[in-house]
Amino acid sequence: MNAIDLLITQHRAIEGKLAQWSEMVTSAAKRELFEQVAEHLSVHIASEEQVFYPAVKAQNIEGVLLESLEEHLSLKRLLADLRELDQPGDEVFEAKLKVLKEQTEHHHEEEEEHLFPRVGKRFDPQTLEQLGRQMEELQRSMRREGDPAAVVASQTDQAAPLQ
């Protein structure tokens, strides 16, 4: 799958999981759903920061990338905060999850409206396919290694560097 299609597919999957939140009744169901969201969002962000954004930077599209990295930092901070809270369903957890949902949707919208069209014009289909494969491999590797969302807490001091 090409990189842009992969990222858009993952955007919809993450948003779909976040939309299920209101359907969850028990704390256990909410915790399980949150852990799924945290994993998906963590591997998605990592593959953008480690594979996609560096390739895009080489095409001189840095302005949009710097904003995206700051948005990632905000999402990581929210994920780290939420992972520390014990009770999905309490007021603080619910408020932070709502902000996570809103910021995630905003970030996806920004990428899809501003970044992806520019990338699609500058990269040939073979390069986009290669980037997609690299991102998928990184995501599989992160999942095999264990809990990808656990790393997020150590990445909340500053935005990831634009490699």
N, C-alpha and C. Protein backbone atom coordinates (compact mmCIF):
# COMPACT_ATOMS: atom_id res chain seq x y z
N MET A 1 0.86 -1.18 0.00
CA MET A 1 0.00 0.00 0.00
C MET A 1 0.90 1.24 0.00
N ASN A 2 0.52 2.24 -0.76
CA ASN A 2 1.36 3.43 -0.76
C ASN A 2 1.20 4.18 0.56
N ALA A 3 2.21 4.97 0.88
CA ALA A 3 2.30 5.62 2.19
C ALA A 3 1.08 6.48 2.51
N ILE A 4 0.64 7.25 1.55
CA ILE A 4 -0.51 8.14 1.79
C ILE A 4 -1.77 7.33 2.05
N ASP A 5 -2.01 6.31 1.24
CA ASP A 5 -3.18 5.45 1.45
C ASP A 5 -3.11 4.75 2.80
N LEU A 6 -1.93 4.28 3.16
CA LEU A 6 -1.74 3.62 4.45
C LEU A 6 -2.10 4.56 5.59
N LEU A 7 -1.57 5.78 5.54
CA LEU A 7 -1.81 6.73 6.62
C LEU A 7 -3.29 7.12 6.70
N ILE A 8 -3.92 7.33 5.56
CA ILE A 8 -5.35 7.68 5.57
C ILE A 8 -6.18 6.51 6.12
N THR A 9 -5.84 5.30 5.73
CA THR A 9 -6.54 4.11 6.26
C THR A 9 -6.39 4.05 7.77
N GLN A 10 -5.19 4.32 8.25
CA GLN A 10 -4.97 4.30 9.70
C GLN A 10 -5.69 5.45 10.40
N HIS A 11 -5.75 6.61 9.74
CA HIS A 11 -6.52 7.72 10.32
C HIS A 11 -7.96 7.29 10.57
N ARG A 12 -8.59 6.70 9.57
CA ARG A 12 -9.99 6.29 9.72
C ARG A 12 -10.13 5.21 10.79
N ALA A 13 -9.17 4.30 10.88
CA ALA A 13 -9.25 3.23 11.89
C ALA A 13 -9.15 3.82 13.30
N ILE A 14 -8.23 4.74 13.50
CA ILE A 14 -8.06 5.37 14.82
C ILE A 14 -9.30 6.17 15.18
N GLU A 15 -9.79 6.95 14.23
CA GLU A 15 -11.00 7.74 14.48
C GLU A 15 -12.19 6.83 14.76
N GLY A 16 -12.26 5.70 14.07
CA GLY A 16 -13.35 4.75 14.30
C GLY A 16 -13.31 4.19 15.71
N LYS A 17 -12.11 3.86 16.17
CA LYS A 17 -11.98 3.35 17.54
C LYS A 17 -12.36 4.42 18.56
N LEU A 18 -11.91 5.66 18.32
CA LEU A 18 -12.26 6.75 19.25
C LEU A 18 -13.77 7.00 19.26
N ALA A 19 -14.42 6.81 18.13
CA ALA A 19 -15.87 7.01 18.05
C ALA A 19 -16.63 5.94 18.84
N GLN A 20 -16.03 4.79 19.05
CA GLN A 20 -16.67 3.71 19.80
C GLN A 20 -16.71 3.98 21.30
N TRP A 21 -15.97 4.98 21.76
CA TRP A 21 -15.84 5.22 23.19
C TRP A 21 -17.18 5.35 23.89
N SER A 22 -18.09 6.10 23.29
CA SER A 22 -19.38 6.34 23.94
C SER A 22 -20.22 5.06 24.06
N GLU A 23 -19.90 4.04 23.28
CA GLU A 23 -20.64 2.78 23.33
C GLU A 23 -20.15 1.87 24.46
N MET A 24 -18.97 2.15 24.99
CA MET A 24 -18.39 1.29 26.03
C MET A 24 -19.06 1.61 27.37
N VAL A 25 -19.49 0.57 28.07
CA VAL A 25 -20.20 0.79 29.32
C VAL A 25 -19.33 0.51 30.54
N THR A 26 -18.54 -0.51 30.50
CA THR A 26 -17.75 -0.86 31.67
C THR A 26 -16.36 -0.23 31.60
N SER A 27 -15.77 -0.07 32.76
CA SER A 27 -14.40 0.46 32.83
C SER A 27 -13.43 -0.47 32.11
N ALA A 28 -13.67 -1.77 32.23
CA ALA A 28 -12.78 -2.74 31.58
C ALA A 28 -12.85 -2.60 30.05
N ALA A 29 -14.04 -2.42 29.52
CA ALA A 29 -14.20 -2.25 28.07
C ALA A 29 -13.55 -0.94 27.61
N LYS A 30 -13.73 0.10 28.42
CA LYS A 30 -13.12 1.39 28.09
C LYS A 30 -11.60 1.29 28.12
N ARG A 31 -11.05 0.61 29.12
CA ARG A 31 -9.60 0.45 29.24
C ARG A 31 -9.05 -0.31 28.03
N GLU A 32 -9.74 -1.38 27.67
CA GLU A 32 -9.30 -2.19 26.52
C GLU A 32 -9.32 -1.36 25.23
N LEU A 33 -10.39 -0.61 25.02
CA LEU A 33 -10.48 0.23 23.83
C LEU A 33 -9.40 1.30 23.85
N PHE A 34 -9.18 1.93 25.00
CA PHE A 34 -8.13 2.94 25.07
C PHE A 34 -6.78 2.34 24.74
N GLU A 35 -6.47 1.17 25.25
CA GLU A 35 -5.17 0.53 24.97
C GLU A 35 -5.02 0.26 23.47
N GLN A 36 -6.10 -0.11 22.80
CA GLN A 36 -6.05 -0.30 21.35
C GLN A 36 -5.77 1.02 20.64
N VAL A 37 -6.45 2.07 21.05
CA VAL A 37 -6.23 3.40 20.47
C VAL A 37 -4.78 3.82 20.71
N ALA A 38 -4.29 3.64 21.92
CA ALA A 38 -2.93 4.05 22.27
C ALA A 38 -1.91 3.32 21.40
N GLU A 39 -2.12 2.02 21.20
CA GLU A 39 -1.20 1.25 20.37
C GLU A 39 -1.23 1.73 18.92
N HIS A 40 -2.42 1.84 18.37
CA HIS A 40 -2.54 2.26 16.97
C HIS A 40 -1.95 3.66 16.77
N LEU A 41 -2.27 4.57 17.66
CA LEU A 41 -1.78 5.94 17.52
C LEU A 41 -0.26 6.00 17.70
N SER A 42 0.27 5.22 18.63
CA SER A 42 1.72 5.23 18.89
C SER A 42 2.51 4.71 17.70
N VAL A 43 2.10 3.60 17.11
CA VAL A 43 2.85 3.07 15.96
C VAL A 43 2.66 3.96 14.73
N HIS A 44 1.50 4.54 14.60
CA HIS A 44 1.22 5.46 13.49
C HIS A 44 2.14 6.67 13.59
N ILE A 45 2.19 7.30 14.75
CA ILE A 45 3.04 8.47 14.95
C ILE A 45 4.50 8.11 14.72
N ALA A 46 4.95 6.99 15.27
CA ALA A 46 6.36 6.59 15.12
C ALA A 46 6.72 6.40 13.65
N SER A 47 5.83 5.77 12.88
CA SER A 47 6.17 5.53 11.48
C SER A 47 6.18 6.84 10.69
N GLU A 48 5.34 7.79 11.07
CA GLU A 48 5.40 9.09 10.41
C GLU A 48 6.72 9.79 10.75
N GLU A 49 7.07 9.79 12.03
CA GLU A 49 8.27 10.52 12.45
C GLU A 49 9.57 9.88 11.98
N GLN A 50 9.59 8.56 11.88
CA GLN A 50 10.83 7.88 11.54
C GLN A 50 10.99 7.56 10.06
N VAL A 51 9.89 7.47 9.33
CA VAL A 51 9.98 7.09 7.91
C VAL A 51 9.41 8.18 7.00
N PHE A 52 8.14 8.52 7.21
CA PHE A 52 7.43 9.39 6.28
C PHE A 52 7.96 10.83 6.32
N TYR A 53 8.00 11.43 7.49
CA TYR A 53 8.41 12.83 7.59
C TYR A 53 9.85 13.06 7.10
N PRO A 54 10.82 12.19 7.44
CA PRO A 54 12.16 12.41 6.90
C PRO A 54 12.19 12.39 5.36
N ALA A 55 11.42 11.51 4.76
CA ALA A 55 11.36 11.47 3.29
C ALA A 55 10.73 12.75 2.75
N VAL A 56 9.70 13.22 3.43
CA VAL A 56 9.01 14.43 3.00
C VAL A 56 9.92 15.65 3.18
N LYS A 57 10.67 15.67 4.27
CA LYS A 57 11.58 16.79 4.53
C LYS A 57 12.55 16.97 3.36
N ALA A 58 13.00 15.87 2.80
CA ALA A 58 13.93 15.94 1.68
C ALA A 58 13.33 16.65 0.47
N GLN A 59 12.01 16.78 0.45
CA GLN A 59 11.32 17.46 -0.64
C GLN A 59 10.97 18.91 -0.29
N ASN A 60 11.58 19.43 0.78
CA ASN A 60 11.39 20.83 1.20
C ASN A 60 9.94 21.20 1.51
N ILE A 61 9.30 20.37 2.32
CA ILE A 61 7.94 20.66 2.78
C ILE A 61 7.98 20.78 4.30
N GLU A 62 8.97 21.47 4.83
CA GLU A 62 9.22 21.48 6.27
C GLU A 62 8.18 22.22 7.10
N GLY A 63 7.60 23.30 6.61
CA GLY A 63 6.68 24.08 7.41
C GLY A 63 5.53 23.26 7.95
N VAL A 64 4.92 22.49 7.12
CA VAL A 64 3.79 21.64 7.54
C VAL A 64 4.29 20.56 8.50
N LEU A 65 5.49 20.05 8.27
CA LEU A 65 6.03 18.98 9.11
C LEU A 65 6.29 19.47 10.54
N LEU A 66 6.81 20.67 10.68
CA LEU A 66 7.09 21.18 12.02
C LEU A 66 5.80 21.29 12.84
N GLU A 67 4.75 21.76 12.20
CA GLU A 67 3.45 21.83 12.89
C GLU A 67 2.96 20.42 13.25
N SER A 68 3.12 19.48 12.33
CA SER A 68 2.70 18.10 12.59
C SER A 68 3.46 17.50 13.76
N LEU A 69 4.75 17.77 13.85
CA LEU A 69 5.54 17.25 14.96
C LEU A 69 5.09 17.83 16.29
N GLU A 70 4.71 19.10 16.31
CA GLU A 70 4.19 19.70 17.54
C GLU A 70 2.85 19.07 17.91
N GLU A 71 2.02 18.78 16.90
CA GLU A 71 0.75 18.10 17.17
C GLU A 71 1.00 16.70 17.72
N HIS A 72 2.00 16.00 17.18
CA HIS A 72 2.36 14.68 17.71
C HIS A 72 2.75 14.79 19.18
N LEU A 73 3.54 15.81 19.52
CA LEU A 73 3.96 15.99 20.90
C LEU A 73 2.75 16.13 21.81
N SER A 74 1.78 16.91 21.40
CA SER A 74 0.56 17.08 22.19
C SER A 74 -0.18 15.75 22.35
N LEU A 75 -0.27 14.98 21.28
CA LEU A 75 -0.94 13.68 21.34
C LEU A 75 -0.18 12.72 22.26
N LYS A 76 1.14 12.73 22.19
CA LYS A 76 1.95 11.86 23.06
C LYS A 76 1.74 12.23 24.53
N ARG A 77 1.69 13.52 24.81
CA ARG A 77 1.48 13.95 26.20
C ARG A 77 0.12 13.48 26.71
N LEU A 78 -0.89 13.59 25.88
CA LEU A 78 -2.21 13.12 26.28
C LEU A 78 -2.22 11.61 26.48
N LEU A 79 -1.59 10.87 25.57
CA LEU A 79 -1.52 9.41 25.72
C LEU A 79 -0.80 9.04 27.01
N ALA A 80 0.31 9.70 27.29
CA ALA A 80 1.06 9.41 28.52
C ALA A 80 0.21 9.71 29.75
N ASP A 81 -0.47 10.83 29.75
CA ASP A 81 -1.35 11.18 30.88
C ASP A 81 -2.45 10.13 31.06
N LEU A 82 -3.08 9.75 29.97
CA LEU A 82 -4.18 8.80 30.03
C LEU A 82 -3.71 7.42 30.51
N ARG A 83 -2.53 7.02 30.10
CA ARG A 83 -2.00 5.71 30.54
C ARG A 83 -1.74 5.70 32.04
N GLU A 84 -1.46 6.86 32.62
CA GLU A 84 -1.21 6.94 34.07
C GLU A 84 -2.49 6.93 34.89
N LEU A 85 -3.59 7.31 34.29
CA LEU A 85 -4.86 7.34 35.02
C LEU A 85 -5.42 5.94 35.14
N ASP A 86 -5.91 5.61 36.32
CA ASP A 86 -6.39 4.26 36.58
C ASP A 86 -7.83 4.01 36.13
N GLN A 87 -8.63 5.03 36.11
CA GLN A 87 -10.06 4.82 35.93
C GLN A 87 -10.60 5.41 34.63
N PRO A 88 -10.63 4.61 33.55
CA PRO A 88 -11.35 5.12 32.39
C PRO A 88 -12.79 5.32 32.81
N GLY A 89 -13.34 6.42 32.45
CA GLY A 89 -14.71 6.69 32.84
C GLY A 89 -14.80 7.78 33.89
N ASP A 90 -13.68 8.05 34.62
CA ASP A 90 -13.78 9.16 35.56
C ASP A 90 -13.70 10.48 34.79
N GLU A 91 -14.04 11.57 35.43
CA GLU A 91 -14.17 12.86 34.74
C GLU A 91 -12.88 13.31 34.06
N VAL A 92 -11.74 13.15 34.73
CA VAL A 92 -10.47 13.59 34.17
C VAL A 92 -10.12 12.74 32.95
N PHE A 93 -10.27 11.43 33.07
CA PHE A 93 -9.99 10.55 31.95
C PHE A 93 -10.87 10.91 30.76
N GLU A 94 -12.15 11.08 31.01
CA GLU A 94 -13.10 11.40 29.94
C GLU A 94 -12.73 12.72 29.26
N ALA A 95 -12.35 13.71 30.05
CA ALA A 95 -11.99 15.02 29.48
C ALA A 95 -10.73 14.91 28.63
N LYS A 96 -9.73 14.21 29.13
CA LYS A 96 -8.49 14.05 28.37
C LYS A 96 -8.74 13.22 27.11
N LEU A 97 -9.57 12.21 27.19
CA LEU A 97 -9.85 11.40 26.01
C LEU A 97 -10.59 12.23 24.96
N LYS A 98 -11.49 13.09 25.40
CA LYS A 98 -12.20 13.95 24.46
C LYS A 98 -11.22 14.87 23.73
N VAL A 99 -10.27 15.42 24.47
CA VAL A 99 -9.25 16.29 23.87
C VAL A 99 -8.37 15.48 22.91
N LEU A 100 -8.01 14.26 23.30
CA LEU A 100 -7.23 13.39 22.42
C LEU A 100 -7.98 13.15 21.12
N LYS A 101 -9.24 12.86 21.22
CA LYS A 101 -10.07 12.62 20.02
C LYS A 101 -10.10 13.85 19.13
N GLU A 102 -10.35 15.01 19.72
CA GLU A 102 -10.44 16.25 18.94
C GLU A 102 -9.10 16.59 18.28
N GLN A 103 -8.01 16.45 19.04
CA GLN A 103 -6.70 16.78 18.48
C GLN A 103 -6.27 15.78 17.41
N THR A 104 -6.62 14.53 17.61
CA THR A 104 -6.31 13.50 16.61
C THR A 104 -7.03 13.82 15.31
N GLU A 105 -8.32 14.11 15.40
CA GLU A 105 -9.10 14.42 14.20
C GLU A 105 -8.56 15.67 13.51
N HIS A 106 -8.20 16.69 14.29
CA HIS A 106 -7.63 17.91 13.71
C HIS A 106 -6.32 17.61 12.99
N HIS A 107 -5.46 16.84 13.62
CA HIS A 107 -4.17 16.49 13.03
C HIS A 107 -4.37 15.73 11.72
N HIS A 108 -5.27 14.78 11.72
CA HIS A 108 -5.54 14.01 10.51
C HIS A 108 -6.05 14.91 9.39
N GLU A 109 -6.94 15.80 9.75
CA GLU A 109 -7.50 16.73 8.76
C GLU A 109 -6.39 17.61 8.17
N GLU A 110 -5.52 18.12 9.01
CA GLU A 110 -4.41 18.97 8.54
C GLU A 110 -3.52 18.19 7.57
N GLU A 111 -3.17 16.98 7.94
CA GLU A 111 -2.31 16.18 7.05
C GLU A 111 -3.00 15.90 5.72
N GLU A 112 -4.26 15.51 5.78
CA GLU A 112 -4.97 15.11 4.57
C GLU A 112 -5.25 16.31 3.66
N GLU A 113 -5.45 17.48 4.23
CA GLU A 113 -5.75 18.65 3.41
C GLU A 113 -4.50 19.39 2.94
N HIS A 114 -3.43 19.39 3.75
CA HIS A 114 -2.28 20.23 3.43
C HIS A 114 -1.02 19.45 3.06
N LEU A 115 -0.75 18.38 3.78
CA LEU A 115 0.50 17.66 3.56
C LEU A 115 0.39 16.62 2.45
N PHE A 116 -0.59 15.74 2.55
CA PHE A 116 -0.67 14.63 1.60
C PHE A 116 -0.81 15.06 0.15
N PRO A 117 -1.61 16.08 -0.16
CA PRO A 117 -1.68 16.51 -1.57
C PRO A 117 -0.32 16.96 -2.10
N ARG A 118 0.45 17.66 -1.29
CA ARG A 118 1.78 18.12 -1.71
C ARG A 118 2.72 16.93 -1.91
N VAL A 119 2.66 15.98 -0.99
CA VAL A 119 3.51 14.80 -1.08
C VAL A 119 3.13 14.00 -2.34
N GLY A 120 1.84 13.86 -2.58
CA GLY A 120 1.39 13.10 -3.75
C GLY A 120 1.88 13.68 -5.06
N LYS A 121 2.06 14.98 -5.10
CA LYS A 121 2.56 15.64 -6.32
C LYS A 121 4.07 15.49 -6.48
N ARG A 122 4.79 15.35 -5.38
CA ARG A 122 6.25 15.34 -5.44
C ARG A 122 6.87 13.95 -5.48
N PHE A 123 6.12 12.93 -5.09
CA PHE A 123 6.67 11.58 -5.05
C PHE A 123 6.05 10.73 -6.14
N ASP A 124 6.87 9.90 -6.76
CA ASP A 124 6.34 8.98 -7.76
C ASP A 124 5.70 7.79 -7.04
N PRO A 125 4.83 7.06 -7.73
CA PRO A 125 4.11 5.95 -7.10
C PRO A 125 5.03 4.89 -6.48
N GLN A 126 6.16 4.62 -7.11
CA GLN A 126 7.08 3.60 -6.57
C GLN A 126 7.66 4.04 -5.23
N THR A 127 8.00 5.31 -5.12
CA THR A 127 8.55 5.81 -3.86
C THR A 127 7.49 5.76 -2.76
N LEU A 128 6.27 6.12 -3.10
CA LEU A 128 5.18 6.05 -2.11
C LEU A 128 4.94 4.61 -1.66
N GLU A 129 5.05 3.67 -2.59
CA GLU A 129 4.90 2.24 -2.23
C GLU A 129 6.03 1.81 -1.30
N GLN A 130 7.24 2.22 -1.63
CA GLN A 130 8.39 1.85 -0.81
C GLN A 130 8.25 2.43 0.60
N LEU A 131 7.85 3.69 0.71
CA LEU A 131 7.65 4.31 2.02
C LEU A 131 6.55 3.58 2.80
N GLY A 132 5.48 3.20 2.11
CA GLY A 132 4.41 2.45 2.76
C GLY A 132 4.91 1.14 3.33
N ARG A 133 5.72 0.42 2.56
CA ARG A 133 6.28 -0.86 3.04
C ARG A 133 7.18 -0.63 4.25
N GLN A 134 8.01 0.41 4.20
CA GLN A 134 8.90 0.70 5.33
C GLN A 134 8.10 1.03 6.59
N MET A 135 7.04 1.80 6.43
CA MET A 135 6.22 2.16 7.58
C MET A 135 5.51 0.93 8.16
N GLU A 136 4.98 0.09 7.29
CA GLU A 136 4.31 -1.12 7.77
C GLU A 136 5.29 -2.03 8.51
N GLU A 137 6.50 -2.16 8.00
CA GLU A 137 7.50 -3.00 8.66
C GLU A 137 7.87 -2.44 10.03
N LEU A 138 8.07 -1.14 10.11
CA LEU A 138 8.37 -0.52 11.40
C LEU A 138 7.23 -0.77 12.39
N GLN A 139 5.99 -0.61 11.94
CA GLN A 139 4.85 -0.82 12.82
C GLN A 139 4.76 -2.27 13.29
N ARG A 140 4.99 -3.22 12.38
CA ARG A 140 4.98 -4.64 12.77
C ARG A 140 6.07 -4.91 13.80
N SER A 141 7.25 -4.35 13.56
CA SER A 141 8.38 -4.54 14.48
C SER A 141 8.05 -3.99 15.86
N MET A 142 7.45 -2.80 15.91
CA MET A 142 7.09 -2.20 17.20
C MET A 142 6.09 -3.08 17.94
N ARG A 143 5.15 -3.64 17.23
CA ARG A 143 4.14 -4.50 17.88
C ARG A 143 4.77 -5.80 18.37
N ARG A 144 5.70 -6.35 17.61
CA ARG A 144 6.38 -7.59 18.03
C ARG A 144 7.20 -7.36 19.29
N GLU A 145 7.78 -6.17 19.42
CA GLU A 145 8.65 -5.87 20.56
C GLU A 145 7.88 -5.67 21.86
N GLY A 146 6.58 -5.51 21.79
CA GLY A 146 5.81 -5.37 23.03
C GLY A 146 4.82 -4.24 22.97
N ASP A 147 4.80 -3.45 23.99
CA ASP A 147 3.82 -2.39 24.19
C ASP A 147 4.30 -1.08 23.56
N PRO A 148 3.91 -0.79 22.31
CA PRO A 148 4.42 0.41 21.64
C PRO A 148 4.03 1.71 22.33
N ALA A 149 2.91 1.72 23.01
CA ALA A 149 2.46 2.95 23.66
C ALA A 149 3.27 3.26 24.92
N ALA A 150 3.97 2.28 25.46
CA ALA A 150 4.76 2.50 26.67
C ALA A 150 5.91 3.47 26.41
N VAL A 151 6.41 3.51 25.21
CA VAL A 151 7.53 4.37 24.85
C VAL A 151 7.13 5.85 24.85
N VAL A 152 5.86 6.10 24.64
CA VAL A 152 5.38 7.48 24.49
C VAL A 152 5.72 8.35 25.68
N ALA A 153 5.65 7.82 26.87
CA ALA A 153 5.92 8.61 28.08
C ALA A 153 7.32 9.22 28.07
N SER A 154 8.25 8.56 27.41
CA SER A 154 9.62 9.09 27.36
C SER A 154 9.82 10.08 26.21
N GLN A 155 8.76 10.37 25.47
CA GLN A 155 8.86 11.26 24.31
C GLN A 155 8.00 12.51 24.46
N THR A 156 7.83 12.97 25.70
CA THR A 156 6.92 14.09 25.92
C THR A 156 7.62 15.39 26.30
N ASP A 157 8.94 15.43 26.30
CA ASP A 157 9.65 16.65 26.67
C ASP A 157 9.63 17.69 25.57
N GLN A 158 9.82 17.23 24.34
CA GLN A 158 9.84 18.14 23.20
C GLN A 158 9.44 17.36 21.95
N ALA A 159 9.09 18.11 20.93
CA ALA A 159 8.70 17.47 19.68
C ALA A 159 9.89 16.69 19.13
N ALA A 160 9.57 15.63 18.43
CA ALA A 160 10.62 14.83 17.78
C ALA A 160 11.36 15.72 16.80
N PRO A 161 12.67 15.50 16.67
CA PRO A 161 13.41 16.31 15.70
C PRO A 161 13.02 15.94 14.28
N LEU A 162 13.09 16.89 13.41
CA LEU A 162 12.81 16.64 12.00
C LEU A 162 14.10 16.11 11.40
N GLN A 163 14.16 14.80 11.27
CA GLN A 163 15.39 14.13 10.83
C GLN A 163 15.71 14.43 9.39
